[in-house]
Protein backbone atom coordinates (compact mmCIF):
# COMPACT_ATOMS: atom_id res chain seq x y z
CA MET A 1 7.97 -7.88 30.17
CA GLN A 2 8.85 -8.93 26.68
CA THR A 3 12.35 -9.81 25.60
CA ALA A 4 14.23 -8.05 22.82
CA GLN A 5 13.93 -11.13 20.64
CA GLN A 6 10.16 -11.21 21.12
CA ILE A 7 9.71 -7.54 20.30
CA ILE A 8 12.04 -7.58 17.31
CA LYS A 9 10.34 -10.74 16.07
CA SER A 10 6.96 -9.06 16.50
CA TYR A 11 8.08 -6.04 14.49
CA ARG A 12 9.62 -8.23 11.84
CA ARG A 13 6.38 -10.20 11.61
CA LYS A 14 4.34 -7.00 11.32
CA ARG A 15 6.73 -5.68 8.72
CA ILE A 16 6.48 -8.90 6.70
CA ILE A 17 2.68 -8.80 6.96
CA VAL A 18 2.61 -5.20 5.75
CA CYS A 19 4.99 -5.86 2.86
CA VAL A 20 3.17 -9.02 1.82
CA SER A 21 -0.12 -7.14 2.02
CA VAL A 22 1.28 -4.31 -0.09
CA ALA A 23 2.66 -6.79 -2.62
CA PHE A 24 -0.66 -8.67 -2.72
CA ALA A 25 -2.57 -5.40 -3.10
CA ALA A 26 -0.20 -4.41 -5.91
CA LEU A 27 -0.77 -7.79 -7.57
CA MET A 28 -4.55 -7.48 -7.32
CA THR A 29 -4.47 -3.84 -8.43
CA THR A 30 -2.26 -4.66 -11.40
CA LEU A 31 -4.49 -7.52 -12.48
CA PHE A 32 -7.59 -5.39 -11.94
CA VAL A 33 -6.15 -2.51 -13.95
CA ARG A 34 -5.10 -4.88 -16.71
CA PHE A 35 -8.57 -6.47 -16.66
CA ILE A 36 -10.32 -3.08 -16.86
CA SER A 37 -7.92 -1.90 -19.55
CA GLU A 38 -8.41 -4.98 -21.72
CA ARG A 39 -12.15 -5.01 -21.13
CA ASN A 40 -12.41 -1.38 -22.21
CA PHE A 41 -10.19 -2.09 -25.20
CA ASN A 42 -12.40 -5.03 -26.17
CA GLN A 43 -15.52 -2.91 -25.81
CA GLN A 44 -13.94 -0.23 -27.97
CA GLN A 45 -13.05 -2.83 -30.57
CA VAL A 46 -16.67 -4.00 -30.74
CA VAL A 47 -17.89 -0.41 -30.99
CA THR A 48 -15.36 0.23 -33.73
CA PHE A 49 -16.43 -2.90 -35.62
CA THR A 50 -20.16 -2.13 -35.51
CA THR A 51 -19.62 1.57 -36.25
CA HIS A 52 -17.41 0.77 -39.21
CA ALA A 53 -19.97 -1.76 -40.54
CA VAL A 54 -22.83 0.75 -40.25
CA GLN A 55 -20.83 3.51 -41.90
CA ALA A 56 -19.66 1.22 -44.71
CA LEU A 57 -23.19 0.02 -45.48
CA GLU A 58 -24.56 3.55 -45.32
CA LYS A 59 -21.90 4.66 -47.74
CA LEU A 60 -23.02 1.96 -50.19
CA LEU A 61 -26.74 2.68 -49.80
CA LEU A 62 -26.65 6.46 -50.05
CA PRO A 63 -25.98 6.47 -53.84
CA LEU A 64 -29.04 4.23 -54.32
CA GLU A 65 -31.19 6.71 -52.47
CA GLN A 66 -29.73 9.54 -54.49
CA LYS A 67 -30.70 7.75 -57.74
CA ARG A 68 -34.32 7.55 -56.63
CA ASP A 69 -35.27 10.91 -58.14
CA ALA A 70 -33.83 9.82 -61.50
CA LEU A 71 -35.66 6.48 -61.46
CA LEU A 72 -39.13 7.50 -60.28
CA PRO A 73 -39.98 9.42 -63.57
CA LEU A 74 -39.43 6.16 -65.47
CA VAL A 75 -42.40 4.49 -63.80
CA GLY A 76 -45.23 4.26 -66.33
CA LEU A 77 -43.00 4.55 -69.37
CA PRO A 78 -43.06 1.58 -71.74
CA CYS A 79 -40.33 -0.92 -70.89
CA ALA A 80 -38.86 -0.49 -74.36
CA SER A 81 -38.30 3.18 -73.59
CA ALA A 82 -37.14 2.78 -69.98
CA HIS A 83 -35.04 -0.40 -70.21
CA LEU A 84 -31.87 1.24 -71.47
CA MET A 85 -31.97 3.84 -68.71
CA LEU A 86 -32.53 1.08 -66.13
CA ARG A 87 -29.50 -0.80 -67.34
CA LYS A 88 -27.35 2.34 -67.22
CA GLN A 89 -28.46 3.10 -63.68
CA ALA A 90 -27.88 -0.50 -62.58
CA ALA A 91 -24.42 -0.46 -64.14
CA SER A 92 -23.52 2.75 -62.33
CA LEU A 93 -24.61 1.23 -59.02
CA GLN A 94 -22.25 -1.69 -58.59
CA THR A 95 -24.00 -3.09 -55.54
CA VAL A 96 -27.38 -3.32 -57.30
CA ARG A 97 -28.33 -6.69 -58.76
CA SER A 98 -31.35 -5.33 -60.67
CA ILE A 99 -33.79 -2.41 -60.88
CA GLY A 100 -37.47 -3.02 -61.57
CA LEU A 101 -40.37 -0.75 -62.46
CA VAL A 102 -43.78 -1.55 -60.95
CA LYS A 103 -47.11 -0.19 -62.19
CA ASP A 104 -50.42 -1.00 -60.58
CA GLY A 105 -48.80 -3.77 -58.55
CA VAL A 106 -47.21 -5.47 -61.57
CA LEU A 107 -43.49 -5.71 -62.23
CA TYR A 108 -43.45 -4.82 -65.88
CA CYS A 109 -39.82 -3.91 -66.56
CA SER A 110 -36.49 -5.21 -65.22
CA SER A 111 -32.94 -4.01 -65.88
CA ILE A 112 -31.91 -7.68 -66.32
CA PHE A 113 -34.89 -9.42 -67.86
CA GLY A 114 -36.40 -6.48 -69.71
CA ALA A 115 -40.17 -6.57 -70.09
CA ARG A 116 -41.98 -8.66 -67.49
CA ASP A 117 -45.51 -9.18 -66.33
CA VAL A 118 -45.37 -10.52 -62.75
CA PRO A 119 -47.48 -9.36 -59.81
CA ILE A 120 -44.92 -7.89 -57.40
CA HIS A 121 -46.46 -9.48 -54.31
CA GLN A 122 -45.68 -12.91 -55.78
CA LEU A 123 -42.02 -12.06 -55.72
CA GLN A 124 -42.03 -10.00 -52.51
CA PRO A 125 -45.16 -10.36 -50.38
CA ALA A 126 -44.46 -7.06 -48.55
CA LEU A 127 -44.71 -5.09 -51.81
CA PRO A 128 -46.19 -2.86 -53.10
CA ALA A 129 -46.30 -0.36 -50.20
CA THR A 130 -47.40 3.22 -49.75
CA ARG A 131 -44.12 4.26 -48.13
CA SER A 132 -40.44 3.76 -48.81
CA LEU A 133 -39.23 0.40 -47.50
CA MET A 134 -36.02 -1.49 -46.91
CA LEU A 135 -36.47 -5.24 -46.81
CA LEU A 136 -34.27 -8.26 -46.27
CA SER A 137 -35.53 -11.08 -48.46
CA THR A 138 -34.62 -14.03 -50.67
CA ASP A 139 -34.16 -13.76 -54.43
CA HIS A 140 -36.84 -15.67 -56.41
CA SER A 141 -35.86 -14.56 -59.90
CA LEU A 142 -32.15 -14.61 -60.76
CA LEU A 143 -30.05 -16.37 -58.10
CA LYS A 144 -32.80 -18.14 -56.30
CA ASN A 145 -32.67 -18.57 -52.53
CA THR A 146 -29.80 -16.10 -52.18
CA PRO A 147 -30.22 -13.18 -49.75
CA VAL A 148 -31.05 -9.79 -51.21
CA MET A 149 -31.96 -6.38 -49.88
CA ILE A 150 -34.93 -4.63 -51.44
CA MET A 151 -35.20 -0.84 -51.62
CA TRP A 152 -38.77 0.22 -52.48
CA TYR A 153 -39.67 3.78 -53.50
CA PRO A 154 -43.42 4.39 -54.19
CA ALA A 155 -44.30 6.53 -57.20
CA SER A 156 -48.06 6.89 -56.58
CA ALA A 157 -50.22 7.92 -53.69
CA ASN A 158 -51.77 4.46 -53.39
CA GLY A 159 -48.34 2.80 -53.43
CA GLN A 160 -49.23 0.43 -56.24
CA SER A 161 -46.55 1.86 -58.52
CA GLY A 162 -42.88 2.44 -57.76
CA VAL A 163 -39.24 1.51 -58.21
CA MET A 164 -37.70 -1.63 -56.71
CA GLN A 165 -33.91 -1.92 -56.30
CA VAL A 166 -32.54 -5.38 -55.60
CA ILE A 167 -29.18 -5.24 -53.83
CA ASN A 168 -26.66 -8.08 -53.74
CA ILE A 169 -26.49 -8.00 -49.95
CA ALA A 170 -24.62 -11.32 -49.69
CA LEU A 171 -21.63 -9.69 -51.37
CA LEU A 172 -21.85 -6.65 -49.12
CA THR A 173 -22.09 -8.64 -45.90
CA SER A 174 -19.09 -10.74 -46.88
CA LEU A 175 -17.13 -7.49 -47.11
CA ILE A 176 -18.29 -5.65 -44.00
CA LEU A 177 -19.56 -8.33 -41.59
CA GLU A 178 -16.67 -10.76 -41.45
CA PRO A 179 -16.31 -11.74 -37.73
CA ASP A 180 -13.20 -10.73 -35.81
CA ALA A 181 -12.59 -13.76 -33.59
CA PRO A 182 -12.24 -14.31 -30.71
CA LEU A 183 -13.89 -11.04 -29.72
CA ILE A 184 -16.62 -11.21 -32.40
CA THR A 185 -17.74 -14.71 -33.34
CA ALA A 186 -20.76 -13.70 -35.43
CA ALA A 187 -22.07 -10.54 -37.13
CA SER A 188 -25.46 -9.92 -38.68
CA LEU A 189 -27.54 -7.34 -40.48
CA SER A 190 -31.09 -6.76 -39.22
CA VAL A 191 -33.85 -5.01 -41.17
CA GLY A 192 -37.22 -5.06 -39.47
CA ASP A 193 -37.92 -8.60 -38.34
CA ARG A 194 -35.51 -10.22 -40.79
CA HIS A 195 -31.87 -10.99 -40.01
CA LEU A 196 -28.93 -11.92 -42.20
CA GLU A 197 -26.00 -13.48 -40.40
CA TYR A 198 -22.58 -13.53 -42.05
CA GLY A 199 -22.28 -16.52 -44.39
CA LYS A 200 -25.89 -17.67 -43.83
CA ARG A 201 -29.37 -17.10 -45.21
CA VAL A 202 -32.03 -14.65 -44.13
CA LYS A 203 -33.79 -15.77 -40.95
CA PRO A 204 -36.79 -14.48 -39.01
CA VAL A 205 -34.90 -14.56 -35.68
CA LEU A 206 -31.29 -14.32 -34.54
CA PRO A 207 -29.70 -17.46 -33.04
CA GLN A 208 -30.11 -17.93 -29.31
CA LEU A 209 -27.24 -16.77 -27.13
CA ASN A 210 -25.10 -19.39 -25.40
CA ARG A 211 -23.12 -17.52 -22.76
CA GLN A 212 -22.53 -14.81 -25.32
CA VAL A 213 -23.23 -11.11 -25.52
CA ARG A 214 -24.72 -9.07 -28.34
CA TYR A 215 -23.72 -5.51 -29.23
CA GLN A 216 -25.98 -3.59 -31.63
CA ARG A 217 -25.63 -0.34 -33.50
CA ALA A 218 -28.42 1.20 -35.59
CA SER A 219 -27.98 3.39 -38.64
CA SER A 220 -29.09 6.99 -38.34
CA HIS A 221 -29.94 7.18 -42.10
CA PHE A 222 -31.47 3.81 -42.89
CA PRO A 223 -33.69 1.36 -40.97
CA PHE A 224 -31.07 -1.30 -40.34
CA THR A 225 -29.03 -2.48 -37.39
CA ILE A 226 -25.63 -4.19 -37.22
CA THR A 227 -25.31 -6.85 -34.50
CA ALA A 228 -22.02 -8.27 -33.23
CA THR A 229 -22.06 -11.41 -31.08
CA GLY A 230 -19.20 -12.70 -28.95
CA PRO A 231 -18.16 -13.98 -25.51
CA GLY A 232 -18.26 -10.45 -24.10
CA ALA A 233 -15.55 -7.90 -23.45
CA ALA A 234 -15.34 -8.73 -19.72
CA ALA A 235 -15.39 -12.52 -20.20
CA LEU A 236 -12.67 -12.37 -22.83
CA ALA A 237 -10.55 -10.06 -20.67
CA LEU A 238 -10.99 -12.44 -17.73
CA LYS A 239 -10.01 -15.39 -19.89
CA HIS A 240 -6.80 -13.65 -20.94
CA LEU A 241 -6.01 -12.42 -17.40
CA PRO A 242 -3.69 -15.36 -16.49
CA SER A 243 -1.36 -14.24 -19.28
CA GLN A 244 -0.88 -10.99 -17.34
CA LEU A 245 0.11 -12.82 -14.15
CA PRO A 246 3.92 -13.00 -14.72
CA LEU A 247 4.21 -9.25 -15.26
CA ALA A 248 1.88 -8.55 -12.33
CA LEU A 249 3.94 -10.84 -10.08
CA ILE A 250 7.18 -9.12 -11.03
CA LEU A 251 5.63 -5.72 -10.37
CA SER A 252 4.13 -6.80 -7.05
CA LEU A 253 7.45 -8.28 -5.89
CA LEU A 254 9.18 -5.03 -6.80
CA ILE A 255 6.62 -2.97 -4.90
CA GLY A 256 6.83 -5.38 -1.96
CA TYR A 257 10.62 -4.95 -1.90
CA ILE A 258 10.25 -1.17 -2.04
CA ALA A 259 7.78 -1.41 0.86
CA TRP A 260 10.33 -3.54 2.76
CA LEU A 261 12.94 -0.82 2.28
CA ALA A 262 10.50 1.97 3.09
CA THR A 263 9.38 0.34 6.35
CA ALA A 264 12.93 -0.33 7.54
CA ASN A 265 12.73 2.66 9.88
CA ARG A 266 9.01 3.19 10.36
CA MET A 267 8.31 -0.41 11.31
CA SER A 268 11.30 -1.01 13.56
CA PHE A 269 11.85 -0.88 17.28
CA SER A 270 14.02 2.22 16.84
CA TRP A 271 11.04 3.99 15.28
CA GLU A 272 8.96 2.82 18.25
CA ILE A 273 11.48 4.44 20.61
CA ASN A 274 11.23 7.73 18.71
CA LEU A 275 7.45 7.48 18.85
CA GLY A 276 7.59 6.77 22.58
CA LEU A 277 9.77 9.83 23.17
CA ALA A 278 7.47 12.04 21.13
CA ALA A 279 4.38 10.73 22.95
CA GLY A 280 5.97 10.93 26.42
CA GLU A 281 5.49 7.21 27.06
CA PHE A 282 8.69 6.86 29.10
CA GLU A 283 8.40 7.24 32.86
CA LEU A 284 11.05 8.10 35.43
CA PHE A 285 11.67 5.64 38.25
CA CYS A 286 14.23 5.92 40.96
CA GLN A 287 16.02 3.57 43.36
CA PRO A 288 17.33 4.96 46.66
CA LEU A 289 20.96 4.82 47.83
CA VAL A 290 21.26 4.21 51.58
CA ASP A 291 24.14 5.07 53.92
CA ALA A 292 25.62 1.76 55.04
CA ASN A 293 25.87 2.85 58.68
CA SER A 294 23.03 5.26 59.35
CA LYS A 295 20.62 3.66 56.80
CA ARG A 296 19.64 7.19 55.80
CA CYS A 297 18.77 7.80 52.14
CA THR A 298 21.49 9.97 50.64
CA GLY A 299 20.47 9.90 47.01
CA VAL A 300 18.76 8.11 44.15
CA GLU A 301 19.64 6.60 40.83
CA ILE A 302 17.25 7.71 38.10
CA LEU A 303 15.96 4.84 36.01
CA LEU A 304 13.89 4.88 32.85
CA ARG A 305 10.86 2.66 32.35
CA TRP A 306 8.66 2.31 29.30
CA ASN A 307 4.98 1.44 29.44
CA ASN A 308 4.38 1.07 25.73
CA PRO A 309 0.62 1.24 25.00
CA ARG A 310 1.17 -1.04 21.99
CA GLN A 311 3.52 -3.60 23.58
CA GLY A 312 3.06 -3.23 27.34
CA TRP A 313 5.95 -2.76 29.76
CA ILE A 314 9.30 -3.04 28.01
CA SER A 315 12.41 -3.72 30.06
CA PRO A 316 15.39 -1.33 29.87
CA GLU A 317 17.49 -4.40 29.10
CA VAL A 318 15.49 -4.52 25.84
CA PHE A 319 15.24 -0.91 24.69
CA ILE A 320 18.54 0.48 26.01
CA PRO A 321 20.81 -1.80 23.88
CA ILE A 322 18.64 -1.14 20.82
CA ALA A 323 18.73 2.60 21.50
CA GLU A 324 22.52 2.45 21.74
CA LYS A 325 22.74 0.47 18.50
CA HIS A 326 20.62 2.99 16.59
CA ASP A 327 22.17 6.15 18.11
CA LEU A 328 19.09 6.93 20.17
CA ILE A 329 20.74 6.81 23.59
CA ALA A 330 21.51 10.55 23.51
CA PRO A 331 17.83 11.52 22.94
CA LEU A 332 16.82 9.12 25.73
CA THR A 333 19.38 10.61 28.11
CA ARG A 334 18.26 14.12 27.13
CA TYR A 335 14.70 13.08 27.95
CA VAL A 336 15.80 11.73 31.34
CA ILE A 337 17.70 14.94 32.20
CA ALA A 338 14.76 17.16 31.22
CA GLN A 339 12.21 15.04 33.08
CA THR A 340 14.42 14.74 36.16
CA HIS A 341 14.78 18.48 36.38
CA SER A 342 11.04 18.97 36.00
CA GLN A 343 10.46 16.62 38.97
CA LEU A 344 13.20 17.85 41.30
CA GLY A 345 10.52 18.84 43.78
CA MET A 346 10.09 15.14 44.60
CA PHE A 347 13.60 15.05 46.14
CA PRO A 348 15.09 16.81 49.19
CA ALA A 349 16.49 20.24 48.27
CA ASP A 350 19.81 19.32 49.89
CA PRO A 351 23.25 19.73 48.25
CA ASP A 352 24.29 16.45 49.91
CA PHE A 353 21.44 14.57 48.20
CA HIS A 354 22.80 12.84 45.08
CA ILE A 355 20.82 12.32 41.89
CA GLY A 356 22.50 9.84 39.59
CA ILE A 357 21.78 9.78 35.86
CA ASN A 358 23.10 7.03 33.62
CA VAL A 359 25.05 8.27 30.60
CA ALA A 360 26.66 6.35 27.75
CA PRO A 361 30.35 7.34 27.31
CA GLY A 362 29.68 8.10 23.65
CA HIS A 363 27.27 10.85 24.71
CA LEU A 364 30.24 12.84 26.00
CA ARG A 365 31.77 13.10 22.54
CA HIS A 366 31.79 16.49 20.84
CA GLY A 367 30.38 18.14 23.97
CA GLU A 368 26.83 16.87 23.31
CA LEU A 369 26.13 15.86 26.92
CA PHE A 370 27.70 19.05 28.21
CA ARG A 371 25.38 21.17 26.03
CA ASP A 372 22.35 19.18 27.21
CA LEU A 373 23.30 19.60 30.87
CA ASN A 374 23.93 23.31 30.40
CA HIS A 375 20.46 23.68 28.92
CA TYR A 376 18.45 21.45 31.25
CA TRP A 377 20.46 21.42 34.49
CA PHE A 378 23.34 23.79 35.15
CA SER A 379 21.47 26.86 33.88
CA LYS A 380 18.68 26.14 36.42
CA HIS A 381 21.07 25.82 39.42
CA PRO A 382 19.26 22.94 41.16
CA PRO A 383 20.25 22.41 44.82
CA GLN A 384 20.82 18.63 44.56
CA GLN A 385 24.17 17.08 43.66
CA LEU A 386 24.30 15.70 40.09
CA VAL A 387 26.13 12.40 39.57
CA ILE A 388 26.91 11.28 36.02
CA GLU A 389 27.06 7.48 35.96
CA LEU A 390 29.18 6.04 33.12
CA THR A 391 28.64 2.35 32.47
CA GLU A 392 31.93 0.45 32.52
CA ARG A 393 30.43 -2.21 30.24
CA ASP A 394 30.60 0.43 27.53
CA ALA A 395 34.03 1.33 26.20
CA LEU A 396 35.42 3.92 28.61
CA LEU A 397 38.00 4.54 25.93
CA ASP A 398 35.25 6.53 24.16
CA VAL A 399 35.05 8.99 27.02
CA ASP A 400 36.06 12.54 26.14
CA TYR A 401 38.21 13.33 29.19
CA ARG A 402 38.09 17.06 28.47
CA MET A 403 34.33 16.93 28.89
CA VAL A 404 34.78 15.01 32.15
CA ARG A 405 37.00 17.82 33.44
CA GLU A 406 34.37 20.39 32.40
CA LEU A 407 31.70 18.42 34.25
CA HIS A 408 33.88 18.36 37.35
CA ARG A 409 34.41 22.12 37.00
CA LYS A 410 30.63 22.59 36.87
CA GLY A 411 30.26 20.68 40.14
CA ALA A 412 28.99 17.35 38.78
CA LYS A 413 30.39 14.12 40.13
CA ILE A 414 31.46 11.18 37.97
CA ALA A 415 30.60 7.59 38.82
CA ILE A 416 31.57 4.36 37.07
CA ASP A 417 28.54 2.09 37.01
CA ASP A 418 28.72 -1.73 36.97
CA PHE A 419 32.38 -1.56 37.93
CA GLY A 420 34.20 -4.87 37.62
CA THR A 421 32.36 -6.08 34.52
CA GLY A 422 34.45 -4.17 31.97
CA ASN A 423 38.08 -3.69 31.21
CA SER A 424 39.02 -0.48 33.00
CA THR A 425 42.70 -0.08 33.76
CA LEU A 426 44.33 1.92 36.51
CA SER A 427 45.63 4.40 33.95
CA ARG A 428 42.09 5.08 32.68
CA LEU A 429 40.83 5.45 36.24
CA GLU A 430 43.60 7.95 36.87
CA MET A 431 42.68 9.94 33.75
CA LEU A 432 38.94 9.79 34.48
CA ARG A 433 39.30 10.49 38.20
CA PRO A 434 35.83 9.20 39.15
CA ASP A 435 34.24 10.25 42.39
CA VAL A 436 32.22 7.04 42.77
CA LEU A 437 32.67 3.35 41.93
CA LYS A 438 29.45 1.33 41.80
CA ILE A 439 30.26 -2.35 42.33
CA ASP A 440 28.21 -4.52 39.97
CA LYS A 441 25.49 -6.64 41.58
CA SER A 442 27.00 -9.85 40.15
CA PHE A 443 29.81 -9.51 42.71
CA ILE A 444 27.45 -8.59 45.52
CA THR A 445 25.29 -11.65 44.82
CA ALA A 446 28.38 -13.86 45.12
CA ILE A 447 29.10 -12.75 48.68
CA GLY A 448 29.14 -15.84 50.88
CA THR A 449 28.63 -18.24 47.97
CA ASP A 450 31.44 -17.85 45.45
CA ALA A 451 34.96 -17.67 46.81
CA VAL A 452 36.45 -16.27 43.59
CA ASN A 453 33.92 -13.48 43.13
CA SER A 454 34.02 -12.69 46.86
CA THR A 455 37.75 -12.20 46.57
CA VAL A 456 37.29 -9.93 43.54
CA THR A 457 34.73 -7.93 45.49
CA ASP A 458 37.19 -7.42 48.32
CA MET A 459 39.85 -6.36 45.80
CA ILE A 460 37.52 -3.78 44.26
CA ILE A 461 36.70 -2.44 47.69
CA ALA A 462 40.40 -2.21 48.54
CA LEU A 463 41.11 -0.45 45.23
CA GLY A 464 38.39 2.13 45.87
CA GLN A 465 39.67 2.77 49.37
CA ARG A 466 43.25 3.09 48.12
CA LEU A 467 42.11 5.66 45.51
CA ARG A 468 39.84 7.35 48.05
CA ILE A 469 36.78 6.85 45.88
CA VAL A 470 33.28 6.55 47.31
CA LEU A 471 32.00 2.97 46.93
CA VAL A 472 28.41 2.01 46.15
CA ALA A 473 27.29 -1.63 46.24
CA GLU A 474 24.51 -2.44 43.75
CA GLY A 475 22.03 -5.28 44.09
CA VAL A 476 22.09 -5.69 47.86
CA GLU A 477 19.29 -8.11 48.67
CA THR A 478 20.12 -9.76 52.00
CA PRO A 479 21.18 -8.52 55.46
CA ARG A 480 24.24 -10.77 55.25
CA GLN A 481 25.43 -8.99 52.12
CA ALA A 482 24.81 -5.60 53.76
CA GLN A 483 26.76 -6.58 56.89
CA HIS A 484 29.67 -7.94 54.82
CA LEU A 485 29.90 -4.69 52.84
CA ARG A 486 29.51 -2.51 55.91
CA GLU A 487 32.30 -4.34 57.71
CA ARG A 488 34.63 -3.71 54.74
CA GLY A 489 33.94 -0.02 54.63
CA VAL A 490 31.55 0.30 51.69
CA HIS A 491 29.89 3.68 52.00
CA LEU A 492 26.52 3.35 50.22
CA LEU A 493 24.19 0.43 49.54
CA GLN A 494 21.55 0.03 46.85
CA GLY A 495 19.18 -2.86 46.27
CA PHE A 496 15.93 -4.64 46.96
CA LEU A 497 16.84 -4.99 50.64
CA TYR A 498 16.05 -1.28 51.02
CA ALA A 499 13.76 -0.44 48.14
CA ARG A 500 12.79 -1.59 44.70
CA PRO A 501 12.75 0.91 41.83
CA MET A 502 9.70 3.13 42.23
CA PRO A 503 8.04 5.92 40.25
CA VAL A 504 9.59 9.28 41.11
CA THR A 505 6.19 10.48 42.26
CA ALA A 506 6.15 7.73 44.91
CA PHE A 507 9.56 8.65 46.36
CA PRO A 508 8.42 11.35 48.86
CA ARG A 509 6.07 8.90 50.54
CA TRP A 510 8.76 6.22 50.71
CA LEU A 511 11.25 8.73 52.12
CA ALA A 512 8.80 9.80 54.83
CA GLU A 513 8.10 6.20 55.79
CA GLN A 514 11.85 5.46 55.88
CA ALA A 515 12.54 8.45 58.10
CA HIS A 516 9.77 7.38 60.45
CA ALA A 517 11.11 3.81 60.60
CA ASN A 518 14.66 5.01 61.40
CA SER A 519 13.53 7.51 64.07
């Protein structure tokens, strides 16, 4: 059987493991939640950046598209007639660098240069075209080698004539594509197979990724896409996660402490006792009391044993003190009384047969024991004699003497268990008026070996005889002890010499064997 220290240590270890596990889980959960929260926030920031860039560029391009209907009728007019109108339109569109008119594939009029005579494909190889186009290109006329965006609107079925708008895209990208480090390290505008990265020139391909992630958002009105490049929402959140550790540690320690408080009852030995009572894990044993002269069994002391399925057999010396400390001795005693009554058929139905039940003196307070006995015992009128055994090691001062008198009136007998180990005085014995004194086994063991304790044993025996109290010797293990006690007039003997504690269900067989041996 395990000791109290072992069991309490086991529960404390389990409790620590649970609390540490809860705290660790809280730490991991907090960090995970913070990671997910920051990752989602980062993703939202990227979405917001690309959405804002697309909407801003669309807002700047829509007026150019709206001016198309006013510009297309100018195609074919002499440059002298159309130039003023081109300049007015270019001035009203602040993002436009120049507007050119193309007829039969020749740029013949420009809002900046006026009349010109340059094949358009020399300036922009993709033009002219039969359909409207948006192109990213490089300026070859005004600010050479600077990025521009070309808006082409055909004015003829064969696409050889039309209007060309040259947009100062470098200025626009500096306004709407400025990176937002560290989340966005680069931003670019893509039109077809041409790409303009912030602060750089037009390129046929985007730079290769180096442990980075690209987010893209396309316009729903124009054929362009905004691309944002960065370390990634998850990677950045993970990088910043250590900064969340102090707060997560504080929170996990707090939750661990709350778990420690919450498990104070549920993960304690007192909780285990409650669980054992509810599950019926406690089992009744009994140890016979034998007449010193006739060796006939005259009664039993009911003992409680606990076969805990989680801990194994647990000694009463372990769970009884803990039950007393946590005010669970009354429920245990109530359990013993109820179970004893339900198994009375195992004992002789004889009014001279004594059934002793151990009771803590504190259980007598406020009539609690009396109510339990009325409910489980006296109201059933069992034939056997009930003996209430009060342990002298407990404070007999706690005994409610009025309840003792009521128990006597109901026919129960009172015994003082482990007599000689406490501090009972003659005045308390007179007030209690016990029917039985049970001499503690420590004095019985000393018979023939310890002169001092042997003398005390003889004094206890003499005291019991003077007060005319029935004497019971506990812990009798040798024939020499039995003879010594018998010669000094001790009435009843109890101990391993006659029988070890046994399950109540095994008592009838033992009793039959004993009767056969004595016959």
